[in-house]
Amino acid sequence: MVELDEFTTQLETLITARGENLQTQVLPALKEQFKSMRASFEALHTTLQKKGLIREDPYHYEERVAELTVPSDAPYLDSEKDKALSERLGQYRARMEFLTEYYDFSLDNLNLRALKEIVKFVKYINWRNLSETATQPTTRGLAEQLIGIKRGSNQLSINIVKDAQEQLNRISATVQKLLKEITTYYRESYKLQIRLHVLERADVQEQPDREQYDAAARKVKSALPKVLPGQPFARDLVLEIFAENDPVDGEGYRQSLLESLSLPKQTDTTDKKGPDLKPLLLDAARSLAASSRSLEEGAQKLEDNSLVLESRKLTFREFLSRLWDHLRGKDEESHVYVVDYLDATTNTRRSDEIVFEDFIASIRRRARIYGGILNKGAQPWRKLQESSEDAILKFVMKDTNELNVVVRRFESLDTYFRSEVSREQWSQLRGTNVEITTIRDHVLRTRKKTQQYVSKTEEIQQLRKLGMEDAY
């Protein structure tokens, strides 16, 4: 049985150790999480501005946030929606900047009142339930705008919105876990100060009868300003002290509290077993490999279209050029098509020289490899299973980027063939829109699963660093 004096001594030791851990590990990690949160929100905010869905807050640069407050979440009229969201998201952005650039995340500066305001700010936008049915007006309005973007045709904007939303959901959950740990520290620190300095001065018994709880709490409230000036009176926490001191049921409360405040023992994390995330990566690889059939069919259609192009009637200049090449013994062994495409990152048009036969051969080679990954009895799948997580991740990310190039070339070649043949031959061309749509779908699924893996891995590493292994 943990006696009260011994319990208070142990409690003081554990709270001191917990405070050191917060100062050196948890609080710096919290600030880094807010920086990541700000970066993801900036991506969303910029996209909304470019789409003209919100306006730049004219007061943003004049606003000087000296204290963290939460923007209004009051209902608004539909006619005021754009104005309200522009102002609120601008204020949210300014406060995020204040948190990451100026806020003092230290034990001396924080307290329960400040933590309560930070928690309210983090929950201001419900990133987990960002939908048109959300009960919070600002969350619902933002969701409606983002859903409009995701239903559009600009794939770059769609990807930015999806990625930022997923990151904000994940980061928000991590931040709330850290804030809960910090809040627990301040709650127990407050109770410890009451135990050490106030109970005796308030002439309150250490173990009052339950019928005397209210009277004892009033005595604590009366003595608190004299003993600990500036400390607010938290009745619920004072009642927790009485419950922990209870001679009948208090032992269980005390033991549970000591266990919850104990920091996990430092162990070698190199041998630490966490959740097995390799199946998630393998699933991502198989999602990518599911595009094998579309790749093969797309390659065949493009090859047929090339034959249509090459069989057309040559212009006189083309005839002379080929005749001259033939006389010099330089007959074309392969066809090079120069196609144009729009670079989404710079919004400029670029040219791409495609050695057609090599391109088609690479597509078919990729399709065969992907087919082997889909067949769980084939060598490519077994080899992938035996690979390390890092190797699988590199393979998935590399092939995802390469498939984006394949899709771009499919589109460019479709346009090129159509522009080079006569209208009478258009009916002979085979479009690849179905294959392009299917491949894109597989790429998006793969990217989502890869991001889940990366996010989960980062979260586990962060929790291990903070000594919170039991949180995953």
Protein backbone atom coordinates (compact mmCIF):
# COMPACT_ATOMS: atom_id res chain seq x y z
CA MET A 1 0.00 0.00 0.00
CA VAL A 2 1.30 3.42 -0.94
CA GLU A 3 0.95 5.67 2.13
CA LEU A 4 0.18 9.36 1.62
CA ASP A 5 3.63 10.72 2.55
CA GLU A 6 5.38 8.16 0.41
CA PHE A 7 2.87 8.79 -2.39
CA THR A 8 3.51 12.55 -2.33
CA THR A 9 7.28 12.00 -2.48
CA GLN A 10 6.97 9.61 -5.43
CA LEU A 11 4.53 11.94 -7.15
CA GLU A 12 6.91 14.90 -6.85
CA THR A 13 9.78 12.84 -8.30
CA LEU A 14 7.70 11.61 -11.24
CA ILE A 15 6.29 15.06 -12.05
CA THR A 16 9.79 16.57 -12.01
CA ALA A 17 11.03 13.88 -14.43
CA ARG A 18 7.96 14.32 -16.60
CA GLY A 19 8.55 18.07 -16.75
CA GLU A 20 12.15 17.58 -17.91
CA ASN A 21 10.93 15.20 -20.62
CA LEU A 22 8.33 17.71 -21.76
CA GLN A 23 10.86 20.52 -21.96
CA THR A 24 13.48 18.55 -23.90
CA GLN A 25 11.34 16.22 -26.04
CA VAL A 26 7.60 16.84 -26.14
CA LEU A 27 7.41 20.63 -26.44
CA PRO A 28 9.99 20.85 -29.28
CA ALA A 29 8.11 18.03 -31.03
CA LEU A 30 4.84 19.92 -30.60
CA LYS A 31 6.30 23.02 -32.24
CA GLU A 32 7.61 20.94 -35.16
CA GLN A 33 4.15 19.43 -35.61
CA PHE A 34 2.64 22.90 -35.75
CA LYS A 35 5.19 23.86 -38.42
CA SER A 36 4.14 20.86 -40.51
CA MET A 37 0.51 21.75 -39.92
CA ARG A 38 1.14 25.31 -41.08
CA ALA A 39 2.90 24.12 -44.28
CA SER A 40 0.00 21.84 -45.20
CA PHE A 41 -2.56 24.56 -44.48
CA GLU A 42 -0.59 27.07 -46.58
CA ALA A 43 -0.84 24.65 -49.52
CA LEU A 44 -4.62 24.51 -49.10
CA HIS A 45 -4.95 28.26 -48.60
CA THR A 46 -2.87 29.05 -51.71
CA THR A 47 -4.93 26.65 -53.84
CA LEU A 48 -8.18 28.22 -52.63
CA GLN A 49 -6.86 31.67 -53.50
CA LYS A 50 -5.73 30.63 -56.98
CA LYS A 51 -9.18 29.19 -57.61
CA GLY A 52 -10.75 32.47 -56.50
CA LEU A 53 -12.70 30.73 -53.73
CA ILE A 54 -11.28 32.99 -51.02
CA ARG A 55 -9.77 36.46 -51.10
CA GLU A 56 -6.54 37.59 -49.53
CA ASP A 57 -7.41 39.03 -46.13
CA PRO A 58 -6.69 42.76 -46.51
CA TYR A 59 -6.04 42.99 -42.77
CA HIS A 60 -3.68 40.02 -42.55
CA TYR A 61 -0.50 42.04 -42.84
CA GLU A 62 -1.69 44.65 -40.36
CA GLU A 63 -2.85 42.14 -37.78
CA ARG A 64 -0.43 41.63 -34.94
CA VAL A 65 -1.34 38.55 -32.95
CA ALA A 66 0.01 39.01 -29.44
CA GLU A 67 -2.08 36.29 -27.80
CA LEU A 68 -3.60 33.10 -29.17
CA THR A 69 -7.34 33.39 -29.69
CA VAL A 70 -9.74 31.27 -31.74
CA PRO A 71 -11.48 32.84 -34.79
CA SER A 72 -15.26 33.01 -34.84
CA ASP A 73 -17.16 29.86 -35.79
CA ALA A 74 -20.58 31.46 -35.70
CA PRO A 75 -23.16 30.58 -38.40
CA TYR A 76 -23.23 32.80 -41.49
CA LEU A 77 -25.63 33.45 -44.36
CA ASP A 78 -24.97 31.80 -47.72
CA SER A 79 -24.59 35.27 -49.23
CA GLU A 80 -21.79 35.97 -46.72
CA LYS A 81 -20.03 32.62 -47.13
CA ASP A 82 -17.07 33.78 -49.27
CA LYS A 83 -16.43 36.83 -47.10
CA ALA A 84 -16.76 34.88 -43.83
CA LEU A 85 -14.45 32.06 -44.94
CA SER A 86 -11.88 34.49 -46.36
CA GLU A 87 -11.72 36.33 -43.04
CA ARG A 88 -11.75 33.23 -40.84
CA LEU A 89 -9.16 31.30 -42.83
CA GLY A 90 -7.01 34.44 -42.95
CA GLN A 91 -7.23 34.72 -39.16
CA TYR A 92 -6.52 31.00 -38.78
CA ARG A 93 -3.46 31.41 -40.98
CA ALA A 94 -2.23 34.42 -38.95
CA ARG A 95 -2.58 32.48 -35.69
CA MET A 96 -0.77 29.49 -37.17
CA GLU A 97 2.07 31.85 -38.06
CA PHE A 98 2.03 33.22 -34.50
CA LEU A 99 2.25 29.69 -33.05
CA THR A 100 5.17 28.66 -35.22
CA GLU A 101 7.16 31.90 -35.22
CA TYR A 102 6.53 33.66 -31.91
CA TYR A 103 4.78 31.45 -29.37
CA ASP A 104 6.88 30.43 -26.37
CA PHE A 105 6.48 26.66 -25.99
CA SER A 106 8.11 26.34 -22.56
CA LEU A 107 7.00 25.06 -19.16
CA ASP A 108 7.34 28.54 -17.69
CA ASN A 109 5.02 30.10 -20.26
CA LEU A 110 2.33 27.43 -20.54
CA ASN A 111 -0.46 26.76 -18.07
CA LEU A 112 -3.84 25.03 -18.07
CA ARG A 113 -5.65 28.12 -19.34
CA ALA A 114 -3.22 28.56 -22.27
CA LEU A 115 -3.39 24.85 -23.11
CA LYS A 116 -7.17 24.99 -23.18
CA GLU A 117 -6.99 27.78 -25.78
CA ILE A 118 -4.46 25.84 -27.89
CA VAL A 119 -6.70 22.76 -27.84
CA LYS A 120 -9.67 24.89 -28.93
CA PHE A 121 -7.59 26.30 -31.79
CA VAL A 122 -6.46 22.84 -32.96
CA LYS A 123 -10.09 21.68 -32.98
CA TYR A 124 -11.35 24.86 -34.69
CA ILE A 125 -11.33 23.04 -38.04
CA ASN A 126 -12.33 19.39 -37.74
CA TRP A 127 -9.84 17.88 -40.20
CA ARG A 128 -11.05 14.38 -39.39
CA ASN A 129 -14.63 15.18 -40.43
CA LEU A 130 -14.07 17.71 -43.21
CA SER A 131 -17.39 17.15 -44.94
CA GLU A 132 -20.56 18.91 -46.07
CA THR A 133 -22.38 17.40 -43.07
CA ALA A 134 -19.99 18.81 -40.46
CA THR A 135 -21.74 20.64 -37.61
CA GLN A 136 -19.11 23.39 -37.35
CA PRO A 137 -19.93 26.19 -39.85
CA THR A 138 -16.31 26.97 -40.78
CA THR A 139 -15.41 23.30 -41.22
CA ARG A 140 -18.51 22.72 -43.35
CA GLY A 141 -17.86 25.78 -45.53
CA LEU A 142 -14.23 24.84 -46.11
CA ALA A 143 -15.26 21.27 -46.95
CA GLU A 144 -17.73 22.50 -49.57
CA GLN A 145 -15.02 24.50 -51.29
CA LEU A 146 -12.48 21.66 -51.23
CA ILE A 147 -15.04 19.15 -52.53
CA GLY A 148 -15.67 21.54 -55.43
CA ILE A 149 -11.96 21.47 -56.29
CA LYS A 150 -11.79 17.66 -56.05
CA ARG A 151 -14.72 17.37 -58.45
CA GLY A 152 -12.90 19.52 -61.01
CA SER A 153 -10.52 18.50 -63.78
CA ASN A 154 -7.26 20.09 -62.57
CA GLN A 155 -5.37 17.03 -61.36
CA LEU A 156 -2.56 19.05 -59.76
CA SER A 157 -5.02 21.01 -57.58
CA ILE A 158 -6.88 17.81 -56.71
CA ASN A 159 -3.67 16.12 -55.56
CA ILE A 160 -2.60 19.16 -53.51
CA VAL A 161 -5.97 19.29 -51.74
CA LYS A 162 -6.08 15.55 -51.04
CA ASP A 163 -2.49 15.40 -49.79
CA ALA A 164 -2.86 18.48 -47.58
CA GLN A 165 -6.14 17.25 -46.12
CA GLU A 166 -4.66 13.85 -45.24
CA GLN A 167 -1.59 15.47 -43.68
CA LEU A 168 -3.68 17.91 -41.62
CA ASN A 169 -5.87 15.07 -40.35
CA ARG A 170 -2.81 13.06 -39.28
CA ILE A 171 -0.90 16.00 -37.78
CA SER A 172 -3.95 17.26 -35.91
CA ALA A 173 -4.38 13.84 -34.25
CA THR A 174 -0.69 13.79 -33.23
CA VAL A 175 -0.87 17.34 -31.85
CA GLN A 176 -3.91 16.46 -29.75
CA LYS A 177 -2.06 13.45 -28.27
CA LEU A 178 0.88 15.67 -27.33
CA LEU A 179 -1.41 18.34 -25.86
CA LYS A 180 -3.19 15.70 -23.79
CA GLU A 181 0.15 14.58 -22.33
CA ILE A 182 1.16 18.17 -21.56
CA THR A 183 -2.23 18.95 -20.00
CA THR A 184 -1.93 15.90 -17.74
CA TYR A 185 1.41 17.21 -16.49
CA TYR A 186 -0.06 20.63 -15.60
CA ARG A 187 -3.12 19.11 -13.94
CA GLU A 188 -1.00 16.90 -11.72
CA SER A 189 1.49 19.70 -11.03
CA TYR A 190 -1.40 21.89 -9.87
CA LYS A 191 -2.67 19.13 -7.59
CA LEU A 192 0.83 18.57 -6.19
CA GLN A 193 1.14 22.27 -5.30
CA ILE A 194 -2.22 22.09 -3.51
CA ARG A 195 -1.01 19.04 -1.58
CA LEU A 196 2.34 20.57 -0.63
CA HIS A 197 1.34 24.13 0.19
CA VAL A 198 -2.41 24.66 0.57
CA LEU A 199 -4.11 21.78 2.37
CA GLU A 200 -2.34 22.35 5.65
CA ARG A 201 -2.71 26.14 5.50
CA ALA A 202 -6.40 25.73 4.70
CA ASP A 203 -6.82 23.57 7.80
CA VAL A 204 -8.14 20.69 5.69
CA GLN A 205 -7.71 17.08 6.71
CA GLU A 206 -5.67 14.95 4.30
CA GLN A 207 -8.48 12.39 4.20
CA PRO A 208 -11.78 14.21 4.68
CA ASP A 209 -15.02 12.26 4.72
CA ARG A 210 -16.96 12.39 1.45
CA GLU A 211 -19.70 14.40 3.13
CA GLN A 212 -17.05 17.04 3.92
CA TYR A 213 -15.67 17.39 0.35
CA ASP A 214 -17.64 20.56 -0.45
CA ALA A 215 -16.73 22.29 2.79
CA ALA A 216 -13.08 21.30 2.43
CA ALA A 217 -13.02 22.57 -1.17
CA ARG A 218 -14.36 25.95 0.00
CA LYS A 219 -11.54 26.18 2.55
CA VAL A 220 -8.98 25.47 -0.19
CA LYS A 221 -10.54 28.15 -2.39
CA SER A 222 -10.32 30.66 0.44
CA ALA A 223 -6.69 29.89 1.28
CA LEU A 224 -5.40 29.59 -2.30
CA PRO A 225 -4.92 33.32 -3.13
CA LYS A 226 -2.88 33.81 0.06
CA VAL A 227 -0.63 30.77 -0.41
CA LEU A 228 -0.33 30.64 -4.22
CA PRO A 229 -1.21 34.10 -5.56
CA GLY A 230 -2.38 34.08 -9.18
CA GLN A 231 -3.33 30.42 -9.22
CA PRO A 232 -6.95 29.86 -10.26
CA PHE A 233 -9.19 27.63 -8.18
CA ALA A 234 -9.95 24.34 -10.02
CA ARG A 235 -12.65 22.63 -7.97
CA ASP A 236 -12.63 19.41 -10.01
CA LEU A 237 -8.89 18.94 -9.41
CA VAL A 238 -9.22 19.61 -5.69
CA LEU A 239 -11.96 16.96 -5.50
CA GLU A 240 -9.62 14.55 -7.31
CA ILE A 241 -7.10 15.07 -4.49
CA PHE A 242 -9.71 14.14 -1.91
CA ALA A 243 -10.66 11.03 -3.92
CA GLU A 244 -7.01 9.96 -4.17
CA ASN A 245 -6.60 10.41 -0.41
CA ASP A 246 -9.74 8.42 0.39
CA PRO A 247 -8.88 5.72 2.99
CA VAL A 248 -11.17 3.17 1.30
CA ASP A 249 -10.87 3.67 -2.47
CA GLY A 250 -7.91 6.02 -2.75
CA GLU A 251 -5.20 3.36 -3.02
CA GLY A 252 -6.29 2.34 -6.53
CA TYR A 253 -6.42 5.96 -7.71
CA ARG A 254 -2.96 6.67 -6.33
CA GLN A 255 -1.38 3.59 -7.86
CA SER A 256 -2.97 4.29 -11.23
CA LEU A 257 -1.75 7.89 -11.16
CA LEU A 258 1.85 6.91 -10.37
CA GLU A 259 1.85 4.37 -13.19
CA SER A 260 0.45 6.89 -15.68
CA LEU A 261 3.14 9.45 -14.84
CA SER A 262 6.05 7.00 -15.01
CA LEU A 263 8.22 7.52 -18.06
CA PRO A 264 8.90 4.35 -20.09
CA LYS A 265 12.34 2.89 -19.64
CA GLN A 266 14.80 3.82 -22.36
CA THR A 267 15.47 0.79 -24.53
CA ASP A 268 17.36 0.16 -27.73
CA THR A 269 14.83 1.09 -30.39
CA THR A 270 16.79 -0.77 -33.06
CA ASP A 271 15.30 -4.03 -31.78
CA LYS A 272 11.94 -2.49 -30.94
CA LYS A 273 9.06 -4.23 -32.67
CA GLY A 274 6.30 -1.94 -33.80
CA PRO A 275 3.36 -2.50 -36.10
CA ASP A 276 4.23 -4.45 -39.26
CA LEU A 277 3.74 -1.91 -42.05
CA LYS A 278 5.33 -3.98 -44.82
CA PRO A 279 1.94 -5.42 -45.97
CA LEU A 280 0.75 -1.86 -46.59
CA LEU A 281 3.73 -1.24 -48.88
CA LEU A 282 3.22 -4.54 -50.69
CA ASP A 283 -0.44 -3.63 -51.18
CA ALA A 284 0.68 -0.32 -52.69
CA ALA A 285 2.98 -2.20 -55.10
CA ARG A 286 0.14 -4.49 -56.16
CA SER A 287 -2.14 -1.49 -56.73
CA LEU A 288 0.49 -0.14 -59.10
CA ALA A 289 0.93 -3.53 -60.76
CA ALA A 290 -2.81 -3.74 -61.42
CA SER A 291 -2.22 -1.32 -64.31
CA SER A 292 -0.41 -4.06 -66.31
CA ARG A 293 -3.40 -4.92 -68.50
CA SER A 294 -4.11 -1.27 -69.31
CA LEU A 295 -0.44 -0.72 -70.15
CA GLU A 296 -0.43 -3.66 -72.57
CA GLU A 297 -3.68 -2.62 -74.23
CA GLY A 298 -2.56 1.02 -74.46
CA ALA A 299 0.73 -0.02 -76.07
CA GLN A 300 -1.12 -2.11 -78.66
CA LYS A 301 -3.47 0.76 -79.52
CA LEU A 302 -0.58 3.19 -79.95
CA GLU A 303 1.24 0.71 -82.14
CA ASP A 304 -1.86 0.37 -84.34
CA ASN A 305 -2.15 4.14 -84.53
CA SER A 306 1.51 4.41 -85.59
CA LEU A 307 0.81 2.00 -88.44
CA VAL A 308 -2.13 4.17 -89.55
CA LEU A 309 0.13 7.23 -89.49
CA GLU A 310 2.95 5.57 -91.43
CA SER A 311 0.57 4.16 -94.04
CA ARG A 312 -0.85 7.55 -94.97
CA LYS A 313 -0.01 9.14 -98.29
CA LEU A 314 3.28 10.99 -98.01
CA THR A 315 3.69 14.62 -98.97
CA PHE A 316 6.21 15.34 -101.76
CA ARG A 317 8.72 16.70 -99.22
CA GLU A 318 8.37 13.60 -97.00
CA PHE A 319 8.85 11.37 -100.08
CA LEU A 320 12.06 13.18 -101.10
CA SER A 321 13.39 13.05 -97.51
CA ARG A 322 12.88 9.30 -97.26
CA LEU A 323 14.33 8.72 -100.74
CA TRP A 324 17.43 10.67 -99.82
CA ASP A 325 17.83 8.71 -96.57
CA HIS A 326 17.46 5.47 -98.56
CA LEU A 327 20.13 6.47 -101.10
CA ARG A 328 22.51 7.22 -98.21
CA GLY A 329 21.71 3.91 -96.52
CA LYS A 330 20.03 5.64 -93.60
CA ASP A 331 16.59 4.10 -93.72
CA GLU A 332 14.79 4.69 -90.43
CA GLU A 333 15.04 1.74 -88.08
CA SER A 334 12.78 3.49 -85.56
CA HIS A 335 10.33 6.34 -85.51
CA VAL A 336 10.87 9.48 -83.46
CA TYR A 337 7.75 11.49 -82.69
CA VAL A 338 8.14 15.02 -81.32
CA VAL A 339 5.09 15.76 -79.18
CA ASP A 340 4.00 18.73 -77.08
CA TYR A 341 2.63 18.63 -73.54
CA LEU A 342 1.66 21.04 -70.78
CA ASP A 343 4.04 21.04 -67.80
CA ALA A 344 1.62 21.35 -64.86
CA THR A 345 4.32 22.55 -62.45
CA THR A 346 5.30 25.58 -64.56
CA ASN A 347 2.11 25.87 -66.64
CA THR A 348 4.21 26.06 -69.82
CA ARG A 349 4.26 23.93 -72.97
CA ARG A 350 7.24 21.67 -73.57
CA SER A 351 8.41 19.25 -76.26
CA ASP A 352 9.23 15.58 -75.84
CA GLU A 353 11.09 13.39 -78.37
CA ILE A 354 9.72 9.86 -78.17
CA VAL A 355 11.63 7.01 -79.80
CA PHE A 356 8.44 5.11 -80.45
CA GLU A 357 9.65 1.50 -80.71
CA ASP A 358 11.78 1.84 -77.57
CA PHE A 359 8.86 3.42 -75.71
CA ILE A 360 6.46 0.61 -76.66
CA ALA A 361 9.06 -2.03 -75.74
CA SER A 362 9.54 -0.43 -72.29
CA ILE A 363 5.76 -0.39 -71.73
CA ARG A 364 5.47 -4.10 -72.51
CA ARG A 365 8.47 -4.92 -70.35
CA ARG A 366 6.88 -3.01 -67.46
CA ALA A 367 3.54 -4.77 -68.04
CA ARG A 368 5.27 -8.19 -67.82
CA ILE A 369 6.97 -7.25 -64.53
CA TYR A 370 3.69 -5.98 -63.11
CA GLY A 371 1.96 -9.18 -64.20
CA GLY A 372 4.55 -11.13 -62.23
CA ILE A 373 3.85 -9.04 -59.14
CA LEU A 374 0.13 -9.78 -59.43
CA ASN A 375 0.86 -13.52 -59.66
CA LYS A 376 1.78 -14.54 -56.10
CA GLY A 377 3.49 -17.67 -57.40
CA ALA A 378 5.81 -15.77 -59.76
CA GLN A 379 9.41 -14.75 -59.15
CA PRO A 380 8.84 -10.94 -59.22
CA TRP A 381 6.30 -11.20 -56.37
CA ARG A 382 8.53 -13.46 -54.27
CA LYS A 383 11.49 -11.16 -54.84
CA LEU A 384 9.41 -8.16 -53.77
CA GLN A 385 8.26 -9.94 -50.61
CA GLU A 386 11.86 -10.69 -49.66
CA SER A 387 12.95 -7.07 -50.19
CA SER A 388 13.37 -4.56 -47.36
CA GLU A 389 10.75 -1.92 -46.70
CA ASP A 390 13.13 0.78 -47.95
CA ALA A 391 13.67 -1.09 -51.23
CA ILE A 392 9.93 -1.59 -51.75
CA LEU A 393 9.23 2.07 -50.97
CA LYS A 394 11.86 3.20 -53.48
CA PHE A 395 10.43 0.86 -56.12
CA VAL A 396 6.86 2.09 -55.57
CA MET A 397 7.79 5.80 -55.59
CA LYS A 398 10.05 5.44 -58.64
CA ASP A 399 7.46 3.52 -60.65
CA THR A 400 4.68 5.89 -59.60
CA ASN A 401 6.63 8.82 -61.06
CA GLU A 402 7.47 6.84 -64.20
CA LEU A 403 3.83 5.88 -64.73
CA ASN A 404 2.89 9.55 -64.60
CA VAL A 405 5.29 10.08 -67.52
CA VAL A 406 3.74 7.10 -69.35
CA VAL A 407 0.27 8.60 -68.96
CA ARG A 408 1.51 11.97 -70.18
CA ARG A 409 3.06 10.33 -73.27
CA PHE A 410 -0.11 8.33 -73.96
CA GLU A 411 -2.07 11.59 -74.02
CA SER A 412 0.53 13.40 -76.13
CA LEU A 413 0.74 10.59 -78.69
CA ASP A 414 -3.06 10.43 -78.94
CA THR A 415 -3.12 14.14 -79.80
CA TYR A 416 -0.14 13.82 -82.14
CA PHE A 417 -1.56 10.95 -84.21
CA ARG A 418 -4.88 12.71 -84.53
CA SER A 419 -3.22 15.89 -85.77
CA GLU A 420 -0.97 14.13 -88.29
CA VAL A 421 -3.48 11.97 -90.16
CA SER A 422 -6.29 13.16 -92.40
CA ARG A 423 -9.86 13.44 -91.15
CA GLU A 424 -10.74 10.43 -93.27
CA GLN A 425 -8.34 8.31 -91.20
CA TRP A 426 -9.59 9.43 -87.78
CA SER A 427 -12.00 6.51 -87.67
CA GLN A 428 -9.02 4.14 -87.93
CA LEU A 429 -7.34 5.55 -84.81
CA ARG A 430 -7.87 3.85 -81.46
CA GLY A 431 -8.17 6.15 -78.46
CA THR A 432 -6.42 5.36 -75.17
CA ASN A 433 -8.68 7.40 -72.85
CA VAL A 434 -9.96 4.28 -71.06
CA GLU A 435 -6.42 3.03 -70.40
CA ILE A 436 -5.25 6.48 -69.28
CA THR A 437 -8.14 6.79 -66.80
CA THR A 438 -7.52 3.30 -65.41
CA ILE A 439 -3.77 3.83 -65.00
CA ARG A 440 -4.36 7.17 -63.27
CA ASP A 441 -6.77 5.52 -60.88
CA HIS A 442 -4.17 2.89 -59.94
CA VAL A 443 -1.52 5.60 -59.50
CA LEU A 444 -3.78 7.60 -57.16
CA ARG A 445 -4.58 4.51 -55.08
CA THR A 446 -0.89 3.67 -54.88
CA ARG A 447 0.03 7.20 -53.86
CA LYS A 448 -2.59 7.18 -51.10
CA LYS A 449 -1.34 3.87 -49.66
CA THR A 450 2.27 5.06 -49.89
CA GLN A 451 1.40 8.25 -48.02
CA GLN A 452 -0.36 6.19 -45.34
CA TYR A 453 2.80 4.12 -44.93
CA VAL A 454 5.09 7.18 -44.75
CA SER A 455 2.77 9.01 -42.34
CA LYS A 456 2.42 6.00 -40.06
CA THR A 457 6.18 5.40 -40.09
CA GLU A 458 6.89 9.03 -39.16
CA GLU A 459 4.27 8.92 -36.42
CA ILE A 460 5.75 5.74 -34.91
CA GLN A 461 9.27 7.19 -34.99
CA GLN A 462 8.04 10.35 -33.29
CA LEU A 463 6.14 8.42 -30.61
CA ARG A 464 9.21 6.24 -29.93
CA LYS A 465 11.33 9.34 -29.56
CA LEU A 466 8.84 10.69 -27.04
CA GLY A 467 8.67 7.39 -25.17
CA MET A 468 5.02 6.79 -26.15
CA GLU A 469 5.36 3.29 -27.66
CA ASP A 470 2.04 2.20 -26.16
CA ALA A 471 0.22 4.77 -28.31
CA TYR A 472 0.52 2.69 -31.48
